[in-house]
Protein backbone atom coordinates (compact mmCIF):
# COMPACT_ATOMS: atom_id res chain seq x y z
CA UNK A 1 0.00 0.00 0.00
CA UNK A 2 1.32 3.43 -0.88
CA UNK A 3 2.38 5.67 2.00
CA UNK A 4 0.12 8.53 0.93
CA UNK A 5 -2.93 6.28 1.25
CA UNK A 6 -1.95 5.44 4.83
CA UNK A 7 -1.66 9.16 5.63
CA UNK A 8 -5.10 9.81 4.07
CA UNK A 9 -6.65 6.99 6.12
CA UNK A 10 -5.03 8.42 9.28
CA UNK A 11 -6.41 11.88 8.42
CA UNK A 12 -9.93 10.47 7.99
CA UNK A 13 -9.76 8.54 11.27
CA UNK A 14 -8.49 11.63 13.13
CA UNK A 15 -11.16 13.81 11.49
CA UNK A 16 -13.94 11.46 12.57
CA UNK A 17 -12.48 11.26 16.08
CA UNK A 18 -12.43 15.07 16.22
CA UNK A 19 -16.17 15.13 15.59
CA UNK A 20 -16.66 13.21 18.83
CA UNK A 21 -14.15 15.11 20.99
CA UNK A 22 -14.37 18.72 19.69
CA UNK A 23 -10.94 19.53 21.14
CA UNK A 24 -9.40 20.86 17.91
CA UNK A 25 -6.32 18.70 18.64
CA UNK A 26 -7.30 15.69 16.58
CA UNK A 27 -8.49 17.90 13.74
CA UNK A 28 -5.11 19.61 13.60
CA UNK A 29 -3.38 16.23 13.58
CA UNK A 30 -5.72 15.19 10.75
CA UNK A 31 -4.77 18.29 8.77
CA UNK A 32 -1.09 17.51 9.39
CA UNK A 33 -1.75 14.01 8.07
CA UNK A 34 -3.25 15.46 4.88
CA UNK A 35 -0.22 17.70 4.41
CA UNK A 36 2.04 14.70 4.95
CA UNK A 37 0.00 12.68 2.45
CA UNK A 38 0.75 15.36 -0.13
CA UNK A 39 4.48 15.11 0.60
CA UNK A 40 4.28 11.31 0.36
CA UNK A 41 2.46 11.57 -2.97
CA UNK A 42 5.31 13.60 -4.47
CA UNK A 43 7.77 10.91 -3.39
CA UNK A 44 9.55 12.20 -0.28
CA UNK A 45 11.10 9.42 1.83
CA UNK A 46 9.44 8.29 5.10
CA UNK A 47 11.86 10.16 7.45
CA UNK A 48 11.04 13.44 5.71
CA UNK A 49 7.32 12.59 5.80
CA UNK A 50 7.57 12.09 9.56
CA UNK A 51 9.43 15.40 9.88
CA UNK A 52 6.68 17.18 7.91
CA UNK A 53 4.02 15.55 10.11
CA UNK A 54 5.78 16.51 13.37
CA UNK A 55 6.51 20.09 12.30
CA UNK A 56 3.02 20.73 10.93
CA UNK A 57 1.43 19.16 14.02
CA UNK A 58 3.53 21.28 16.37
CA UNK A 59 2.84 24.41 14.34
CA UNK A 60 -0.88 23.73 14.41
CA UNK A 61 -0.95 22.99 18.13
CA UNK A 62 1.14 26.04 19.05
CA UNK A 63 -0.35 28.60 16.65
CA UNK A 64 -3.73 27.55 15.26
CA UNK A 65 -5.31 25.68 18.20
CA UNK A 66 -5.01 28.55 20.74
CA UNK A 67 -6.57 30.95 18.23
CA UNK A 68 -9.41 28.55 17.48
CA UNK A 69 -10.09 27.84 21.16
CA UNK A 70 -10.20 31.55 21.91
CA UNK A 71 -12.94 31.99 19.32
CA UNK A 72 -14.90 28.96 20.52
CA UNK A 73 -14.90 29.94 24.21
CA UNK A 74 -16.30 33.45 23.95
CA UNK A 75 -18.42 34.52 26.88
CA UNK A 76 -22.11 35.11 26.34
CA UNK A 77 -22.49 38.80 25.55
CA UNK A 78 -25.94 39.28 27.05
CA UNK A 79 -28.03 37.47 29.59
CA UNK A 80 -31.63 36.78 28.74
CA UNK A 81 -34.79 35.89 30.65
CA UNK A 82 -34.53 35.48 34.40
CA UNK A 83 -30.72 35.33 34.16
CA UNK A 84 -30.80 39.02 33.23
CA UNK A 85 -32.52 39.88 36.54
CA UNK A 86 -29.67 38.57 38.70
CA UNK A 87 -27.66 41.52 40.00
CA UNK A 88 -30.41 44.07 39.33
CA UNK A 89 -31.79 46.33 42.05
CA UNK A 90 -35.32 45.73 43.31
CA UNK A 91 -37.76 47.69 45.45
CA UNK A 92 -39.47 45.91 48.36
CA UNK A 93 -43.25 46.16 47.99
CA UNK A 94 -44.18 43.85 50.87
CA UNK A 95 -41.87 42.95 53.78
CA UNK A 96 -39.41 40.23 52.77
CA UNK A 97 -38.47 37.46 55.18
CA UNK A 98 -36.80 34.11 54.76
CA UNK A 99 -40.16 32.64 53.72
CA UNK A 100 -42.14 35.30 51.87
CA UNK A 101 -42.32 38.82 50.48
CA UNK A 102 -42.85 40.84 47.31
CA UNK A 103 -40.43 42.99 45.32
CA UNK A 104 -40.65 45.08 42.17
CA UNK A 105 -37.91 44.34 39.63
CA UNK A 106 -37.88 46.57 36.57
CA UNK A 107 -41.61 47.23 36.66
CA UNK A 108 -42.68 43.64 37.42
CA UNK A 109 -43.76 42.37 40.80
CA UNK A 110 -42.09 39.15 41.97
CA UNK A 111 -42.47 36.93 44.99
CA UNK A 112 -39.30 37.12 47.04
CA UNK A 113 -37.39 35.61 49.92
CA UNK A 114 -34.41 36.95 51.80
CA UNK A 115 -31.16 35.30 50.66
CA UNK A 116 -30.14 35.20 54.32
CA UNK A 117 -33.14 33.53 56.00
CA UNK A 118 -32.57 35.40 59.29
CA UNK A 119 -33.10 38.82 57.70
CA UNK A 120 -36.33 40.79 57.66
CA UNK A 121 -36.27 43.46 54.97
CA UNK A 122 -38.82 46.26 55.46
CA UNK A 123 -41.17 47.68 52.81
CA UNK A 124 -39.54 50.45 50.79
CA UNK A 125 -35.99 49.10 51.05
CA UNK A 126 -33.80 48.65 48.01
CA UNK A 127 -32.36 45.17 47.56
CA UNK A 128 -30.19 43.34 45.04
CA UNK A 129 -31.42 40.21 43.29
CA UNK A 130 -28.92 37.47 44.14
CA UNK A 131 -30.63 34.50 42.51
CA UNK A 132 -33.89 33.44 40.88
CA UNK A 133 -35.45 30.15 42.05
CA UNK A 134 -38.42 29.34 39.87
CA UNK A 135 -40.67 32.39 40.18
CA UNK A 136 -39.10 33.63 43.43
CA UNK A 137 -36.32 36.18 43.68
CA UNK A 138 -33.74 35.69 46.42
CA UNK A 139 -32.75 39.17 47.51
CA UNK A 140 -30.24 40.81 49.85
CA UNK A 141 -30.49 44.39 51.18
CA UNK A 142 -28.14 47.04 49.85
CA UNK A 143 -25.74 48.63 52.27
C-alpha atoms as a PDB file:
ATOM      1  CA  UNK A   1       0.000   0.000   0.000  1.00  0.00           C
ATOM      2  CA  UNK A   2       1.322   3.430  -0.882  1.00  0.00           C
ATOM      3  CA  UNK A   3       2.381   5.667   2.003  1.00  0.00           C
ATOM      4  CA  UNK A   4       0.124   8.531   0.931  1.00  0.00           C
ATOM      5  CA  UNK A   5      -2.932   6.280   1.249  1.00  0.00           C
ATOM      6  CA  UNK A   6      -1.954   5.441   4.826  1.00  0.00           C
ATOM      7  CA  UNK A   7      -1.661   9.162   5.626  1.00  0.00           C
ATOM      8  CA  UNK A   8      -5.100   9.810   4.067  1.00  0.00           C
ATOM      9  CA  UNK A   9      -6.649   6.992   6.122  1.00  0.00           C
ATOM     10  CA  UNK A  10      -5.031   8.424   9.277  1.00  0.00           C
ATOM     11  CA  UNK A  11      -6.414  11.877   8.418  1.00  0.00           C
ATOM     12  CA  UNK A  12      -9.932  10.474   7.989  1.00  0.00           C
ATOM     13  CA  UNK A  13      -9.758   8.543  11.268  1.00  0.00           C
ATOM     14  CA  UNK A  14      -8.493  11.634  13.127  1.00  0.00           C
ATOM     15  CA  UNK A  15     -11.161  13.810  11.495  1.00  0.00           C
ATOM     16  CA  UNK A  16     -13.939  11.457  12.570  1.00  0.00           C
ATOM     17  CA  UNK A  17     -12.484  11.256  16.079  1.00  0.00           C
ATOM     18  CA  UNK A  18     -12.432  15.070  16.216  1.00  0.00           C
ATOM     19  CA  UNK A  19     -16.171  15.129  15.591  1.00  0.00           C
ATOM     20  CA  UNK A  20     -16.664  13.213  18.835  1.00  0.00           C
ATOM     21  CA  UNK A  21     -14.151  15.107  20.987  1.00  0.00           C
ATOM     22  CA  UNK A  22     -14.367  18.716  19.692  1.00  0.00           C
ATOM     23  CA  UNK A  23     -10.939  19.535  21.142  1.00  0.00           C
ATOM     24  CA  UNK A  24      -9.402  20.859  17.910  1.00  0.00           C
ATOM     25  CA  UNK A  25      -6.319  18.700  18.643  1.00  0.00           C
ATOM     26  CA  UNK A  26      -7.302  15.691  16.579  1.00  0.00           C
ATOM     27  CA  UNK A  27      -8.492  17.904  13.736  1.00  0.00           C
ATOM     28  CA  UNK A  28      -5.107  19.608  13.602  1.00  0.00           C
ATOM     29  CA  UNK A  29      -3.380  16.226  13.581  1.00  0.00           C
ATOM     30  CA  UNK A  30      -5.716  15.188  10.748  1.00  0.00           C
ATOM     31  CA  UNK A  31      -4.767  18.288   8.774  1.00  0.00           C
ATOM     32  CA  UNK A  32      -1.093  17.514   9.392  1.00  0.00           C
ATOM     33  CA  UNK A  33      -1.750  14.010   8.070  1.00  0.00           C
ATOM     34  CA  UNK A  34      -3.247  15.457   4.879  1.00  0.00           C
ATOM     35  CA  UNK A  35      -0.219  17.697   4.409  1.00  0.00           C
ATOM     36  CA  UNK A  36       2.045  14.697   4.947  1.00  0.00           C
ATOM     37  CA  UNK A  37       0.000  12.677   2.446  1.00  0.00           C
ATOM     38  CA  UNK A  38       0.745  15.365  -0.129  1.00  0.00           C
ATOM     39  CA  UNK A  39       4.481  15.108   0.600  1.00  0.00           C
ATOM     40  CA  UNK A  40       4.282  11.308   0.362  1.00  0.00           C
ATOM     41  CA  UNK A  41       2.464  11.573  -2.971  1.00  0.00           C
ATOM     42  CA  UNK A  42       5.314  13.601  -4.472  1.00  0.00           C
ATOM     43  CA  UNK A  43       7.768  10.910  -3.390  1.00  0.00           C
ATOM     44  CA  UNK A  44       9.555  12.197  -0.284  1.00  0.00           C
ATOM     45  CA  UNK A  45      11.104   9.424   1.829  1.00  0.00           C
ATOM     46  CA  UNK A  46       9.444   8.289   5.102  1.00  0.00           C
ATOM     47  CA  UNK A  47      11.856  10.156   7.451  1.00  0.00           C
ATOM     48  CA  UNK A  48      11.035  13.436   5.709  1.00  0.00           C
ATOM     49  CA  UNK A  49       7.323  12.589   5.801  1.00  0.00           C
ATOM     50  CA  UNK A  50       7.567  12.090   9.564  1.00  0.00           C
ATOM     51  CA  UNK A  51       9.433  15.396   9.875  1.00  0.00           C
ATOM     52  CA  UNK A  52       6.676  17.180   7.911  1.00  0.00           C
ATOM     53  CA  UNK A  53       4.023  15.547  10.115  1.00  0.00           C
ATOM     54  CA  UNK A  54       5.775  16.513  13.368  1.00  0.00           C
ATOM     55  CA  UNK A  55       6.509  20.090  12.305  1.00  0.00           C
ATOM     56  CA  UNK A  56       3.023  20.734  10.928  1.00  0.00           C
ATOM     57  CA  UNK A  57       1.428  19.160  14.024  1.00  0.00           C
ATOM     58  CA  UNK A  58       3.527  21.283  16.374  1.00  0.00           C
ATOM     59  CA  UNK A  59       2.839  24.413  14.337  1.00  0.00           C
ATOM     60  CA  UNK A  60      -0.880  23.732  14.412  1.00  0.00           C
ATOM     61  CA  UNK A  61      -0.945  22.993  18.130  1.00  0.00           C
ATOM     62  CA  UNK A  62       1.136  26.038  19.052  1.00  0.00           C
ATOM     63  CA  UNK A  63      -0.349  28.600  16.648  1.00  0.00           C
ATOM     64  CA  UNK A  64      -3.727  27.546  15.261  1.00  0.00           C
ATOM     65  CA  UNK A  65      -5.308  25.682  18.203  1.00  0.00           C
ATOM     66  CA  UNK A  66      -5.012  28.550  20.742  1.00  0.00           C
ATOM     67  CA  UNK A  67      -6.569  30.948  18.225  1.00  0.00           C
ATOM     68  CA  UNK A  68      -9.414  28.555  17.475  1.00  0.00           C
ATOM     69  CA  UNK A  69     -10.090  27.836  21.161  1.00  0.00           C
ATOM     70  CA  UNK A  70     -10.196  31.553  21.910  1.00  0.00           C
ATOM     71  CA  UNK A  71     -12.940  31.988  19.315  1.00  0.00           C
ATOM     72  CA  UNK A  72     -14.898  28.965  20.525  1.00  0.00           C
ATOM     73  CA  UNK A  73     -14.898  29.945  24.208  1.00  0.00           C
ATOM     74  CA  UNK A  74     -16.297  33.450  23.948  1.00  0.00           C
ATOM     75  CA  UNK A  75     -18.423  34.525  26.884  1.00  0.00           C
ATOM     76  CA  UNK A  76     -22.108  35.114  26.342  1.00  0.00           C
ATOM     77  CA  UNK A  77     -22.492  38.802  25.550  1.00  0.00           C
ATOM     78  CA  UNK A  78     -25.939  39.281  27.048  1.00  0.00           C
ATOM     79  CA  UNK A  79     -28.025  37.467  29.593  1.00  0.00           C
ATOM     80  CA  UNK A  80     -31.634  36.783  28.737  1.00  0.00           C
ATOM     81  CA  UNK A  81     -34.788  35.894  30.648  1.00  0.00           C
ATOM     82  CA  UNK A  82     -34.530  35.478  34.396  1.00  0.00           C
ATOM     83  CA  UNK A  83     -30.725  35.332  34.164  1.00  0.00           C
ATOM     84  CA  UNK A  84     -30.803  39.024  33.229  1.00  0.00           C
ATOM     85  CA  UNK A  85     -32.523  39.876  36.537  1.00  0.00           C
ATOM     86  CA  UNK A  86     -29.667  38.571  38.699  1.00  0.00           C
ATOM     87  CA  UNK A  87     -27.662  41.518  40.004  1.00  0.00           C
ATOM     88  CA  UNK A  88     -30.406  44.071  39.331  1.00  0.00           C
ATOM     89  CA  UNK A  89     -31.788  46.326  42.047  1.00  0.00           C
ATOM     90  CA  UNK A  90     -35.317  45.725  43.314  1.00  0.00           C
ATOM     91  CA  UNK A  91     -37.764  47.689  45.455  1.00  0.00           C
ATOM     92  CA  UNK A  92     -39.469  45.907  48.361  1.00  0.00           C
ATOM     93  CA  UNK A  93     -43.254  46.157  47.986  1.00  0.00           C
ATOM     94  CA  UNK A  94     -44.175  43.852  50.872  1.00  0.00           C
ATOM     95  CA  UNK A  95     -41.874  42.945  53.784  1.00  0.00           C
ATOM     96  CA  UNK A  96     -39.409  40.235  52.769  1.00  0.00           C
ATOM     97  CA  UNK A  97     -38.469  37.457  55.183  1.00  0.00           C
ATOM     98  CA  UNK A  98     -36.796  34.107  54.765  1.00  0.00           C
ATOM     99  CA  UNK A  99     -40.164  32.636  53.721  1.00  0.00           C
ATOM    100  CA  UNK A 100     -42.138  35.301  51.867  1.00  0.00           C
ATOM    101  CA  UNK A 101     -42.323  38.817  50.481  1.00  0.00           C
ATOM    102  CA  UNK A 102     -42.846  40.835  47.309  1.00  0.00           C
ATOM    103  CA  UNK A 103     -40.427  42.986  45.316  1.00  0.00           C
ATOM    104  CA  UNK A 104     -40.653  45.081  42.165  1.00  0.00           C
ATOM    105  CA  UNK A 105     -37.906  44.335  39.627  1.00  0.00           C
ATOM    106  CA  UNK A 106     -37.880  46.575  36.567  1.00  0.00           C
ATOM    107  CA  UNK A 107     -41.611  47.232  36.660  1.00  0.00           C
ATOM    108  CA  UNK A 108     -42.683  43.645  37.418  1.00  0.00           C
ATOM    109  CA  UNK A 109     -43.765  42.373  40.803  1.00  0.00           C
ATOM    110  CA  UNK A 110     -42.087  39.149  41.972  1.00  0.00           C
ATOM    111  CA  UNK A 111     -42.472  36.934  44.992  1.00  0.00           C
ATOM    112  CA  UNK A 112     -39.305  37.119  47.037  1.00  0.00           C
ATOM    113  CA  UNK A 113     -37.394  35.612  49.916  1.00  0.00           C
ATOM    114  CA  UNK A 114     -34.407  36.949  51.795  1.00  0.00           C
ATOM    115  CA  UNK A 115     -31.164  35.296  50.663  1.00  0.00           C
ATOM    116  CA  UNK A 116     -30.143  35.203  54.320  1.00  0.00           C
ATOM    117  CA  UNK A 117     -33.140  33.531  55.999  1.00  0.00           C
ATOM    118  CA  UNK A 118     -32.565  35.397  59.287  1.00  0.00           C
ATOM    119  CA  UNK A 119     -33.097  38.818  57.702  1.00  0.00           C
ATOM    120  CA  UNK A 120     -36.327  40.791  57.664  1.00  0.00           C
ATOM    121  CA  UNK A 121     -36.272  43.461  54.967  1.00  0.00           C
ATOM    122  CA  UNK A 122     -38.823  46.265  55.457  1.00  0.00           C
ATOM    123  CA  UNK A 123     -41.165  47.685  52.815  1.00  0.00           C
ATOM    124  CA  UNK A 124     -39.544  50.455  50.786  1.00  0.00           C
ATOM    125  CA  UNK A 125     -35.994  49.103  51.050  1.00  0.00           C
ATOM    126  CA  UNK A 126     -33.800  48.648  48.013  1.00  0.00           C
ATOM    127  CA  UNK A 127     -32.361  45.170  47.557  1.00  0.00           C
ATOM    128  CA  UNK A 128     -30.189  43.337  45.042  1.00  0.00           C
ATOM    129  CA  UNK A 129     -31.422  40.212  43.292  1.00  0.00           C
ATOM    130  CA  UNK A 130     -28.918  37.474  44.138  1.00  0.00           C
ATOM    131  CA  UNK A 131     -30.630  34.502  42.508  1.00  0.00           C
ATOM    132  CA  UNK A 132     -33.892  33.439  40.883  1.00  0.00           C
ATOM    133  CA  UNK A 133     -35.450  30.150  42.054  1.00  0.00           C
ATOM    134  CA  UNK A 134     -38.423  29.337  39.868  1.00  0.00           C
ATOM    135  CA  UNK A 135     -40.674  32.392  40.182  1.00  0.00           C
ATOM    136  CA  UNK A 136     -39.104  33.632  43.435  1.00  0.00           C
ATOM    137  CA  UNK A 137     -36.320  36.181  43.682  1.00  0.00           C
ATOM    138  CA  UNK A 138     -33.744  35.690  46.417  1.00  0.00           C
ATOM    139  CA  UNK A 139     -32.747  39.173  47.511  1.00  0.00           C
ATOM    140  CA  UNK A 140     -30.242  40.810  49.846  1.00  0.00           C
ATOM    141  CA  UNK A 141     -30.488  44.390  51.184  1.00  0.00           C
ATOM    142  CA  UNK A 142     -28.144  47.037  49.851  1.00  0.00           C
ATOM    143  CA  UNK A 143     -25.744  48.626  52.271  1.00  0.00           C
END
